[in-house]
PDB file of N, CA and C in Angstrom:
ATOM      1  N   MET A   1     117.996 115.606  77.738  1.00  0.00           N
ATOM      2  CA  MET A   1     116.827 116.122  77.049  1.00  0.00           C
ATOM      3  C   MET A   1     117.290 117.018  75.893  1.00  0.00           C
ATOM      4  N   LEU A   2     116.713 116.803  74.739  1.00  0.00           N
ATOM      5  CA  LEU A   2     117.069 117.592  73.565  1.00  0.00           C
ATOM      6  C   LEU A   2     116.400 118.953  73.622  1.00  0.00           C
ATOM      7  N   LYS A   3     117.150 119.960  73.208  1.00  0.00           N
ATOM      8  CA  LYS A   3     116.591 121.306  73.152  1.00  0.00           C
ATOM      9  C   LYS A   3     115.789 121.445  71.863  1.00  0.00           C
ATOM     10  N   GLU A   4     114.577 121.955  72.004  1.00  0.00           N
ATOM     11  CA  GLU A   4     113.721 122.140  70.832  1.00  0.00           C
ATOM     12  C   GLU A   4     114.198 123.338  70.019  1.00  0.00           C
ATOM     13  N   THR A   5     114.205 123.190  68.723  1.00  0.00           N
ATOM     14  CA  THR A   5     114.602 124.267  67.837  1.00  0.00           C
ATOM     15  C   THR A   5     113.363 124.893  67.226  1.00  0.00           C
ATOM     16  N   LYS A   6     113.230 126.189  67.415  1.00  0.00           N
ATOM     17  CA  LYS A   6     112.112 126.903  66.806  1.00  0.00           C
ATOM     18  C   LYS A   6     112.406 127.112  65.330  1.00  0.00           C
ATOM     19  N   THR A   7     111.359 127.034  64.521  1.00  0.00           N
ATOM     20  CA  THR A   7     111.526 127.346  63.111  1.00  0.00           C
ATOM     21  C   THR A   7     111.553 128.861  62.954  1.00  0.00           C
ATOM     22  N   GLU A   8     112.081 129.294  61.851  1.00  0.00           N
ATOM     23  CA  GLU A   8     112.123 130.726  61.574  1.00  0.00           C
ATOM     24  C   GLU A   8     110.707 131.245  61.355  1.00  0.00           C
ATOM     25  N   LYS A   9     110.498 132.492  61.736  1.00  0.00           N
ATOM     26  CA  LYS A   9     109.212 133.118  61.463  1.00  0.00           C
ATOM     27  C   LYS A   9     109.094 133.384  59.965  1.00  0.00           C
ATOM     28  N   ILE A  10     107.877 133.444  59.510  1.00  0.00           N
ATOM     29  CA  ILE A  10     107.611 133.667  58.089  1.00  0.00           C
ATOM     30  C   ILE A  10     107.911 135.126  57.737  1.00  0.00           C
ATOM     31  N   PRO A  11     108.795 135.337  56.775  1.00  0.00           N
ATOM     32  CA  PRO A  11     109.020 136.720  56.317  1.00  0.00           C
ATOM     33  C   PRO A  11     107.821 137.136  55.457  1.00  0.00           C
ATOM     34  N   ASN A  12     107.539 138.395  55.381  1.00  0.00           N
ATOM     35  CA  ASN A  12     106.417 138.888  54.571  1.00  0.00           C
ATOM     36  C   ASN A  12     105.110 138.193  54.944  1.00  0.00           C
ATOM     37  N   LEU A  13     104.854 138.102  56.242  1.00  0.00           N
ATOM     38  CA  LEU A  13     103.691 137.391  56.757  1.00  0.00           C
ATOM     39  C   LEU A  13     102.383 137.874  56.138  1.00  0.00           C
ATOM     40  N   LEU A  14     102.176 139.174  56.085  1.00  0.00           N
ATOM     41  CA  LEU A  14     100.906 139.700  55.571  1.00  0.00           C
ATOM     42  C   LEU A  14     100.708 139.347  54.099  1.00  0.00           C
ATOM     43  N   VAL A  15     101.790 139.296  53.347  1.00  0.00           N
ATOM     44  CA  VAL A  15     101.701 138.894  51.937  1.00  0.00           C
ATOM     45  C   VAL A  15     101.260 137.431  51.848  1.00  0.00           C
ATOM     46  N   LYS A  16     101.858 136.570  52.668  1.00  0.00           N
ATOM     47  CA  LYS A  16     101.496 135.148  52.662  1.00  0.00           C
ATOM     48  C   LYS A  16     100.041 134.952  53.069  1.00  0.00           C
ATOM     49  N   ILE A  17      99.585 135.691  54.063  1.00  0.00           N
ATOM     50  CA  ILE A  17      98.182 135.597  54.493  1.00  0.00           C
ATOM     51  C   ILE A  17      97.260 135.985  53.341  1.00  0.00           C
ATOM     52  N   LYS A  18      97.554 137.094  52.688  1.00  0.00           N
ATOM     53  CA  LYS A  18      96.717 137.549  51.570  1.00  0.00           C
ATOM     54  C   LYS A  18      96.714 136.548  50.423  1.00  0.00           C
ATOM     55  N   GLU A  19      97.863 135.927  50.150  1.00  0.00           N
ATOM     56  CA  GLU A  19      97.934 134.911  49.095  1.00  0.00           C
ATOM     57  C   GLU A  19      97.051 133.714  49.431  1.00  0.00           C
ATOM     58  N   CYS A  20      97.105 133.251  50.677  1.00  0.00           N
ATOM     59  CA  CYS A  20      96.276 132.117  51.098  1.00  0.00           C
ATOM     60  C   CYS A  20      94.797 132.449  50.971  1.00  0.00           C
ATOM     61  N   ILE A  21      94.413 133.651  51.375  1.00  0.00           N
ATOM     62  CA  ILE A  21      93.011 134.058  51.283  1.00  0.00           C
ATOM     63  C   ILE A  21      92.572 134.115  49.819  1.00  0.00           C
ATOM     64  N   ALA A  22      93.396 134.728  48.971  1.00  0.00           N
ATOM     65  CA  ALA A  22      93.056 134.863  47.550  1.00  0.00           C
ATOM     66  C   ALA A  22      92.869 133.503  46.884  1.00  0.00           C
ATOM     67  N   LYS A  23      93.633 132.507  47.326  1.00  0.00           N
ATOM     68  CA  LYS A  23      93.546 131.159  46.756  1.00  0.00           C
ATOM     69  C   LYS A  23      92.508 130.290  47.464  1.00  0.00           C
ATOM     70  N   GLY A  24      91.877 130.833  48.500  1.00  0.00           N
ATOM     71  CA  GLY A  24      90.910 130.045  49.267  1.00  0.00           C
ATOM     72  C   GLY A  24      91.570 128.979  50.131  1.00  0.00           C
ATOM     73  N   GLN A  25      92.840 129.165  50.434  1.00  0.00           N
ATOM     74  CA  GLN A  25      93.596 128.186  51.217  1.00  0.00           C
ATOM     75  C   GLN A  25      93.632 128.614  52.678  1.00  0.00           C
ATOM     76  N   TYR A  26      92.485 128.593  53.313  1.00  0.00           N
ATOM     77  CA  TYR A  26      92.397 128.918  54.733  1.00  0.00           C
ATOM     78  C   TYR A  26      91.278 128.089  55.345  1.00  0.00           C
ATOM     79  N   ARG A  27      91.400 127.895  56.653  1.00  0.00           N
ATOM     80  CA  ARG A  27      90.336 127.195  57.368  1.00  0.00           C
ATOM     81  C   ARG A  27      90.311 127.668  58.812  1.00  0.00           C
ATOM     82  N   PHE A  28      89.165 127.503  59.434  1.00  0.00           N
ATOM     83  CA  PHE A  28      88.979 127.854  60.832  1.00  0.00           C
ATOM     84  C   PHE A  28      89.190 126.619  61.693  1.00  0.00           C
ATOM     85  N   SER A  29      89.881 126.774  62.802  1.00  0.00           N
ATOM     86  CA  SER A  29      89.900 125.714  63.802  1.00  0.00           C
ATOM     87  C   SER A  29      88.500 125.671  64.417  1.00  0.00           C
ATOM     88  N   ASN A  30      88.162 124.584  65.061  1.00  0.00           N
ATOM     89  CA  ASN A  30      86.869 124.511  65.753  1.00  0.00           C
ATOM     90  C   ASN A  30      86.755 125.633  66.778  1.00  0.00           C
ATOM     91  N   HIS A  31      87.864 125.890  67.472  1.00  0.00           N
ATOM     92  CA  HIS A  31      87.887 126.953  68.484  1.00  0.00           C
ATOM     93  C   HIS A  31      87.577 128.308  67.850  1.00  0.00           C
ATOM     94  N   ALA A  32      88.219 128.625  66.736  1.00  0.00           N
ATOM     95  CA  ALA A  32      87.994 129.916  66.067  1.00  0.00           C
ATOM     96  C   ALA A  32      86.555 130.022  65.576  1.00  0.00           C
ATOM     97  N   PHE A  33      86.028 128.929  65.053  1.00  0.00           N
ATOM     98  CA  PHE A  33      84.647 128.929  64.574  1.00  0.00           C
ATOM     99  C   PHE A  33      83.693 129.247  65.729  1.00  0.00           C
ATOM    100  N   ASP A  34      83.899 128.573  66.869  1.00  0.00           N
ATOM    101  CA  ASP A  34      83.045 128.805  68.048  1.00  0.00           C
ATOM    102  C   ASP A  34      83.188 130.223  68.578  1.00  0.00           C
ATOM    103  N   ARG A  35      84.441 130.717  68.703  1.00  0.00           N
ATOM    104  CA  ARG A  35      84.654 132.072  69.213  1.00  0.00           C
ATOM    105  C   ARG A  35      84.066 133.104  68.249  1.00  0.00           C
ATOM    106  N   GLY A  36      84.177 132.867  66.956  1.00  0.00           N
ATOM    107  CA  GLY A  36      83.603 133.790  65.976  1.00  0.00           C
ATOM    108  C   GLY A  36      82.100 133.915  66.129  1.00  0.00           C
ATOM    109  N   LYS A  37      81.430 132.786  66.345  1.00  0.00           N
ATOM    110  CA  LYS A  37      79.975 132.812  66.566  1.00  0.00           C
ATOM    111  C   LYS A  37      79.645 133.551  67.854  1.00  0.00           C
ATOM    112  N   GLU A  38      80.367 133.261  68.928  1.00  0.00           N
ATOM    113  CA  GLU A  38      80.134 133.921  70.222  1.00  0.00           C
ATOM    114  C   GLU A  38      80.331 135.428  70.137  1.00  0.00           C
ATOM    115  N   ARG A  39      81.289 135.841  69.322  1.00  0.00           N
ATOM    116  CA  ARG A  39      81.669 137.256  69.258  1.00  0.00           C
ATOM    117  C   ARG A  39      81.085 137.959  68.040  1.00  0.00           C
ATOM    118  N   PHE A  40      80.157 137.279  67.371  1.00  0.00           N
ATOM    119  CA  PHE A  40      79.442 137.831  66.220  1.00  0.00           C
ATOM    120  C   PHE A  40      80.394 138.357  65.150  1.00  0.00           C
ATOM    121  N   LEU A  41      81.426 137.575  64.863  1.00  0.00           N
ATOM    122  CA  LEU A  41      82.403 137.964  63.852  1.00  0.00           C
ATOM    123  C   LEU A  41      82.188 137.094  62.616  1.00  0.00           C
ATOM    124  N   SER A  42      81.700 137.704  61.555  1.00  0.00           N
ATOM    125  CA  SER A  42      81.381 136.983  60.322  1.00  0.00           C
ATOM    126  C   SER A  42      82.636 136.735  59.485  1.00  0.00           C
ATOM    127  N   LEU A  43      82.531 135.813  58.540  1.00  0.00           N
ATOM    128  CA  LEU A  43      83.648 135.530  57.637  1.00  0.00           C
ATOM    129  C   LEU A  43      84.103 136.783  56.881  1.00  0.00           C
ATOM    130  N   PRO A  44      83.187 137.595  56.318  1.00  0.00           N
ATOM    131  CA  PRO A  44      83.675 138.817  55.641  1.00  0.00           C
ATOM    132  C   PRO A  44      84.491 139.724  56.567  1.00  0.00           C
ATOM    133  N   ASN A  45      84.119 139.794  57.839  1.00  0.00           N
ATOM    134  CA  ASN A  45      84.881 140.623  58.776  1.00  0.00           C
ATOM    135  C   ASN A  45      86.236 139.999  59.104  1.00  0.00           C
ATOM    136  N   VAL A  46      86.296 138.691  59.237  1.00  0.00           N
ATOM    137  CA  VAL A  46      87.587 138.018  59.448  1.00  0.00           C
ATOM    138  C   VAL A  46      88.508 138.313  58.277  1.00  0.00           C
ATOM    139  N   LEU A  47      87.991 138.176  57.066  1.00  0.00           N
ATOM    140  CA  LEU A  47      88.810 138.425  55.875  1.00  0.00           C
ATOM    141  C   LEU A  47      89.217 139.897  55.777  1.00  0.00           C
ATOM    142  N   GLU A  48      88.340 140.799  56.173  1.00  0.00           N
ATOM    143  CA  GLU A  48      88.664 142.231  56.198  1.00  0.00           C
ATOM    144  C   GLU A  48      89.862 142.487  57.110  1.00  0.00           C
ATOM    145  N   ILE A  49      89.827 141.903  58.305  1.00  0.00           N
ATOM    146  CA  ILE A  49      90.913 142.102  59.273  1.00  0.00           C
ATOM    147  C   ILE A  49      92.210 141.494  58.753  1.00  0.00           C
ATOM    148  N   LEU A  50      92.135 140.284  58.230  1.00  0.00           N
ATOM    149  CA  LEU A  50      93.356 139.622  57.758  1.00  0.00           C
ATOM    150  C   LEU A  50      93.939 140.306  56.524  1.00  0.00           C
ATOM    151  N   ASN A  51      93.096 140.846  55.674  1.00  0.00           N
ATOM    152  CA  ASN A  51      93.584 141.520  54.470  1.00  0.00           C
ATOM    153  C   ASN A  51      94.090 142.933  54.732  1.00  0.00           C
ATOM    154  N   ASN A  52      93.559 143.597  55.759  1.00  0.00           N
ATOM    155  CA  ASN A  52      93.876 145.012  55.970  1.00  0.00           C
ATOM    156  C   ASN A  52      94.463 145.333  57.330  1.00  0.00           C
ATOM    157  N   GLY A  53      94.609 144.336  58.197  1.00  0.00           N
ATOM    158  CA  GLY A  53      95.162 144.569  59.523  1.00  0.00           C
ATOM    159  C   GLY A  53      96.678 144.640  59.502  1.00  0.00           C
ATOM    160  N   TYR A  54      97.245 144.714  60.700  1.00  0.00           N
ATOM    161  CA  TYR A  54      98.699 144.755  60.810  1.00  0.00           C
ATOM    162  C   TYR A  54      99.181 143.658  61.752  1.00  0.00           C
ATOM    163  N   HIS A  55     100.427 143.290  61.588  1.00  0.00           N
ATOM    164  CA  HIS A  55     101.047 142.212  62.349  1.00  0.00           C
ATOM    165  C   HIS A  55     101.501 142.760  63.703  1.00  0.00           C
ATOM    166  N   GLU A  56     100.970 142.196  64.777  1.00  0.00           N
ATOM    167  CA  GLU A  56     101.397 142.556  66.134  1.00  0.00           C
ATOM    168  C   GLU A  56     102.502 141.586  66.545  1.00  0.00           C
ATOM    169  N   LYS A  57     103.709 141.861  66.123  1.00  0.00           N
ATOM    170  CA  LYS A  57     104.830 140.941  66.336  1.00  0.00           C
ATOM    171  C   LYS A  57     105.044 140.591  67.804  1.00  0.00           C
ATOM    172  N   ALA A  58     104.810 141.526  68.701  1.00  0.00           N
ATOM    173  CA  ALA A  58     105.024 141.278  70.129  1.00  0.00           C
ATOM    174  C   ALA A  58     104.056 140.237  70.692  1.00  0.00           C
ATOM    175  N   LYS A  59     102.966 139.979  69.989  1.00  0.00           N
ATOM    176  CA  LYS A  59     101.967 139.004  70.438  1.00  0.00           C
ATOM    177  C   LYS A  59     102.173 137.630  69.817  1.00  0.00           C
ATOM    178  N   ASP A  60     103.133 137.473  68.914  1.00  0.00           N
ATOM    179  CA  ASP A  60     103.421 136.167  68.320  1.00  0.00           C
ATOM    180  C   ASP A  60     103.903 135.213  69.396  1.00  0.00           C
ATOM    181  N   LYS A  61     103.634 133.932  69.197  1.00  0.00           N
ATOM    182  CA  LYS A  61     104.010 132.948  70.211  1.00  0.00           C
ATOM    183  C   LYS A  61     104.392 131.624  69.546  1.00  0.00           C
ATOM    184  N   TRP A  62     105.474 131.049  70.021  1.00  0.00           N
ATOM    185  CA  TRP A  62     105.899 129.731  69.568  1.00  0.00           C
ATOM    186  C   TRP A  62     105.082 128.681  70.325  1.00  0.00           C
ATOM    187  N   GLU A  63     104.426 127.792  69.599  1.00  0.00           N
ATOM    188  CA  GLU A  63     103.641 126.713  70.205  1.00  0.00           C
ATOM    189  C   GLU A  63     104.415 125.415  70.038  1.00  0.00           C
ATOM    190  N   SER A  64     105.102 125.010  71.095  1.00  0.00           N
ATOM    191  CA  SER A  64     105.945 123.821  70.995  1.00  0.00           C
ATOM    192  C   SER A  64     105.146 122.549  70.757  1.00  0.00           C
ATOM    193  N   ALA A  65     103.905 122.491  71.242  1.00  0.00           N
ATOM    194  CA  ALA A  65     103.075 121.297  71.023  1.00  0.00           C
ATOM    195  C   ALA A  65     102.828 121.059  69.537  1.00  0.00           C
ATOM    196  N   PHE A  66     102.737 122.131  68.769  1.00  0.00           N
ATOM    197  CA  PHE A  66     102.472 122.019  67.327  1.00  0.00           C
ATOM    198  C   PHE A  66     103.703 122.320  66.485  1.00  0.00           C
ATOM    199  N   LYS A  67     104.798 122.704  67.148  1.00  0.00           N
ATOM    200  CA  LYS A  67     106.038 123.077  66.463  1.00  0.00           C
ATOM    201  C   LYS A  67     105.770 124.112  65.358  1.00  0.00           C
ATOM    202  N   ALA A  68     105.075 125.162  65.778  1.00  0.00           N
ATOM    203  CA  ALA A  68     104.700 126.199  64.814  1.00  0.00           C
ATOM    204  C   ALA A  68     104.533 127.538  65.527  1.00  0.00           C
ATOM    205  N   TRP A  69     104.729 128.594  64.768  1.00  0.00           N
ATOM    206  CA  TRP A  69     104.481 129.940  65.270  1.00  0.00           C
ATOM    207  C   TRP A  69     103.009 130.275  65.133  1.00  0.00           C
ATOM    208  N   ASN A  70     102.460 130.948  66.138  1.00  0.00           N
ATOM    209  CA  ASN A  70     101.150 131.583  66.058  1.00  0.00           C
ATOM    210  C   ASN A  70     101.404 133.072  65.890  1.00  0.00           C
ATOM    211  N   TYR A  71     100.725 133.657  64.927  1.00  0.00           N
ATOM    212  CA  TYR A  71     100.917 135.066  64.605  1.00  0.00           C
ATOM    213  C   TYR A  71      99.663 135.863  64.952  1.00  0.00           C
ATOM    214  N   ALA A  72      99.856 137.073  65.453  1.00  0.00           N
ATOM    215  CA  ALA A  72      98.744 137.941  65.831  1.00  0.00           C
ATOM    216  C   ALA A  72      98.552 139.030  64.778  1.00  0.00           C
ATOM    217  N   ILE A  73      97.327 139.115  64.265  1.00  0.00           N
ATOM    218  CA  ILE A  73      96.963 140.152  63.300  1.00  0.00           C
ATOM    219  C   ILE A  73      95.877 141.002  63.936  1.00  0.00           C
ATOM    220  N   ARG A  74      96.095 142.292  63.949  1.00  0.00           N
ATOM    221  CA  ARG A  74      95.133 143.210  64.571  1.00  0.00           C
ATOM    222  C   ARG A  74      94.548 144.120  63.508  1.00  0.00           C
ATOM    223  N   GLY A  75      93.247 144.321  63.606  1.00  0.00           N
ATOM    224  CA  GLY A  75      92.585 145.206  62.657  1.00  0.00           C
ATOM    225  C   GLY A  75      91.154 145.457  63.062  1.00  0.00           C
ATOM    226  N   ASN A  76      90.446 146.147  62.202  1.00  0.00           N
ATOM    227  CA  ASN A  76      89.055 146.502  62.467  1.00  0.00           C
ATOM    228  C   ASN A  76      88.128 145.813  61.483  1.00  0.00           C
ATOM    229  N   THR A  77      86.917 145.546  61.971  1.00  0.00           N
ATOM    230  CA  THR A  77      85.881 144.985  61.109  1.00  0.00           C
ATOM    231  C   THR A  77      85.379 146.076  60.166  1.00  0.00           C
ATOM    232  N   ILE A  78      84.479 145.687  59.312  1.00  0.00           N
ATOM    233  CA  ILE A  78      83.856 146.639  58.388  1.00  0.00           C
ATOM    234  C   ILE A  78      83.174 147.757  59.167  1.00  0.00           C
ATOM    235  N   ASN A  79      82.657 147.434  60.367  1.00  0.00           N
ATOM    236  CA  ASN A  79      81.982 148.425  61.228  1.00  0.00           C
ATOM    237  C   ASN A  79      82.933 149.065  62.235  1.00  0.00           C
ATOM    238  N   ASN A  80      84.228 148.937  62.008  1.00  0.00           N
ATOM    239  CA  ASN A  80      85.268 149.574  62.817  1.00  0.00           C
ATOM    240  C   ASN A  80      85.399 149.011  64.239  1.00  0.00           C
ATOM    241  N   GLU A  81      85.077 147.732  64.435  1.00  0.00           N
ATOM    242  CA  GLU A  81      85.267 147.084  65.731  1.00  0.00           C
ATOM    243  C   GLU A  81      86.673 146.470  65.763  1.00  0.00           C
ATOM    244  N   PRO A  82      87.447 146.721  66.829  1.00  0.00           N
ATOM    245  CA  PRO A  82      88.813 146.194  66.892  1.00  0.00           C
ATOM    246  C   PRO A  82      88.855 144.716  67.300  1.00  0.00           C
ATOM    247  N   PHE A  83      89.600 143.937  66.540  1.00  0.00           N
ATOM    248  CA  PHE A  83      89.779 142.513  66.821  1.00  0.00           C
ATOM    249  C   PHE A  83      91.236 142.131  66.627  1.00  0.00           C
ATOM    250  N   ARG A  84      91.631 141.061  67.296  1.00  0.00           N
ATOM    251  CA  ARG A  84      92.911 140.405  67.046  1.00  0.00           C
ATOM    252  C   ARG A  84      92.576 138.998  66.583  1.00  0.00           C
ATOM    253  N   ILE A  85      93.240 138.564  65.530  1.00  0.00           N
ATOM    254  CA  ILE A  85      93.052 137.210  65.022  1.00  0.00           C
ATOM    255  C   ILE A  85      94.393 136.493  65.108  1.00  0.00           C
ATOM    256  N   ILE A  86      94.375 135.315  65.695  1.00  0.00           N
ATOM    257  CA  ILE A  86      95.580 134.503  65.814  1.00  0.00           C
ATOM    258  C   ILE A  86      95.544 133.455  64.712  1.00  0.00           C
ATOM    259  N   VAL A  87      96.627 133.399  63.943  1.00  0.00           N
ATOM    260  CA  VAL A  87      96.717 132.467  62.821  1.00  0.00           C
ATOM    261  C   VAL A  87      98.017 131.676  62.888  1.00  0.00           C
ATOM    262  N   SER A  88      98.032 130.578  62.161  1.00  0.00           N
ATOM    263  CA  SER A  88      99.240 129.782  61.973  1.00  0.00           C
ATOM    264  C   SER A  88      99.149 129.191  60.573  1.00  0.00           C
ATOM    265  N   PHE A  89     100.093 128.343  60.240  1.00  0.00           N
ATOM    266  CA  PHE A  89     100.080 127.712  58.920  1.00  0.00           C
ATOM    267  C   PHE A  89     100.274 126.215  59.072  1.00  0.00           C
ATOM    268  N   GLU A  90      99.554 125.452  58.268  1.00  0.00           N
ATOM    269  CA  GLU A  90      99.746 124.022  58.191  1.00  0.00           C
ATOM    270  C   GLU A  90      99.849 123.682  56.712  1.00  0.00           C
ATOM    271  N   ASP A  91     100.909 122.994  56.348  1.00  0.00           N
ATOM    272  CA  ASP A  91     101.231 122.768  54.940  1.00  0.00           C
ATOM    273  C   ASP A  91     101.218 124.124  54.244  1.00  0.00           C
ATOM    274  N   CYS A  92     100.353 124.318  53.266  1.00  0.00           N
ATOM    275  CA  CYS A  92     100.314 125.635  52.604  1.00  0.00           C
ATOM    276  C   CYS A  92      98.998 126.346  52.918  1.00  0.00           C
ATOM    277  N   CYS A  93      98.352 125.928  53.989  1.00  0.00           N
ATOM    278  CA  CYS A  93      97.040 126.461  54.353  1.00  0.00           C
ATOM    279  C   CYS A  93      97.150 127.390  55.565  1.00  0.00           C
ATOM    280  N   LEU A  94      96.419 128.498  55.524  1.00  0.00           N
ATOM    281  CA  LEU A  94      96.317 129.416  56.652  1.00  0.00           C
ATOM    282  C   LEU A  94      95.314 128.838  57.644  1.00  0.00           C
ATOM    283  N   LEU A  95      95.711 128.698  58.884  1.00  0.00           N
ATOM    284  CA  LEU A  95      94.835 128.194  59.933  1.00  0.00           C
ATOM    285  C   LEU A  95      94.463 129.354  60.847  1.00  0.00           C
ATOM    286  N   ILE A  96      93.173 129.639  60.946  1.00  0.00           N
ATOM    287  CA  ILE A  96      92.677 130.678  61.833  1.00  0.00           C
ATOM    288  C   ILE A  96      92.405 130.004  63.171  1.00  0.00           C
ATOM    289  N   ILE A  97      93.163 130.389  64.189  1.00  0.00           N
ATOM    290  CA  ILE A  97      93.136 129.702  65.477  1.00  0.00           C
ATOM    291  C   ILE A  97      92.089 130.272  66.418  1.00  0.00           C
ATOM    292  N   THR A  98      92.022 131.599  66.535  1.00  0.00           N
ATOM    293  CA  THR A  98      91.022 132.222  67.385  1.00  0.00           C
ATOM    294  C   THR A  98      90.820 133.667  66.980  1.00  0.00           C
ATOM    295  N   VAL A  99      89.721 134.237  67.471  1.00  0.00           N
ATOM    296  CA  VAL A  99      89.419 135.661  67.244  1.00  0.00           C
ATOM    297  C   VAL A  99      89.150 136.292  68.614  1.00  0.00           C
ATOM    298  N   ILE A 100      89.688 137.474  68.812  1.00  0.00           N
ATOM    299  CA  ILE A 100      89.576 138.157  70.105  1.00  0.00           C
ATOM    300  C   ILE A 100      88.993 139.542  69.861  1.00  0.00           C
ATOM    301  N   ASN A 101      87.867 139.834  70.515  1.00  0.00           N
ATOM    302  CA  ASN A 101      87.242 141.140  70.414  1.00  0.00           C
ATOM    303  C   ASN A 101      87.950 142.079  71.379  1.00  0.00           C
ATOM    304  N   LEU A 102      88.657 143.050  70.863  1.00  0.00           N
ATOM    305  CA  LEU A 102      89.425 143.973  71.695  1.00  0.00           C
ATOM    306  C   LEU A 102      88.588 145.142  72.211  1.00  0.00           C
ATOM    307  N   GLY A 103      87.366 145.259  71.721  1.00  0.00           N
ATOM    308  CA  GLY A 103      86.503 146.339  72.167  1.00  0.00           C
ATOM    309  C   GLY A 103      85.406 145.880  73.106  1.00  0.00           C
ATOM    310  N   ALA A 104      85.422 144.577  73.446  1.00  0.00           N
ATOM    311  CA  ALA A 104      84.369 144.036  74.306  1.00  0.00           C
ATOM    312  C   ALA A 104      84.480 144.590  75.711  1.00  0.00           C
ATOM    313  N   LYS A 105      83.357 144.844  76.291  1.00  0.00           N
ATOM    314  CA  LYS A 105      83.329 145.326  77.675  1.00  0.00           C
ATOM    315  C   LYS A 105      83.324 144.110  78.588  1.00  0.00           C
ATOM    316  N   LEU A 106      84.210 144.111  79.563  1.00  0.00           N
ATOM    317  CA  LEU A 106      84.325 142.977  80.480  1.00  0.00           C
ATOM    318  C   LEU A 106      83.333 143.068  81.612  1.00  0.00           C
TER     319      LEU A 106
END
């Protein structure tokens, strides 16, 4: 069995995310779209978090099925609600994978 080789993580991740947003090169996965609706997270709030949040490196995960890194960005909405957004990249496009409300009461 061949050992899978992970690709290098993207250096300057937050810069790349901001560049993709500025160029309109981003899209939501169906899962992220559904979770965003469930968690009342609007597009302006997603963009606020991605533009002004910070990279939670310890939450990054290699997804062998897609041969890509998933990156965790943590930040607050315009109304100061804490969220984590998981993103990846496909070609030169930012893929928003899911949104997690960190302030939700269980």
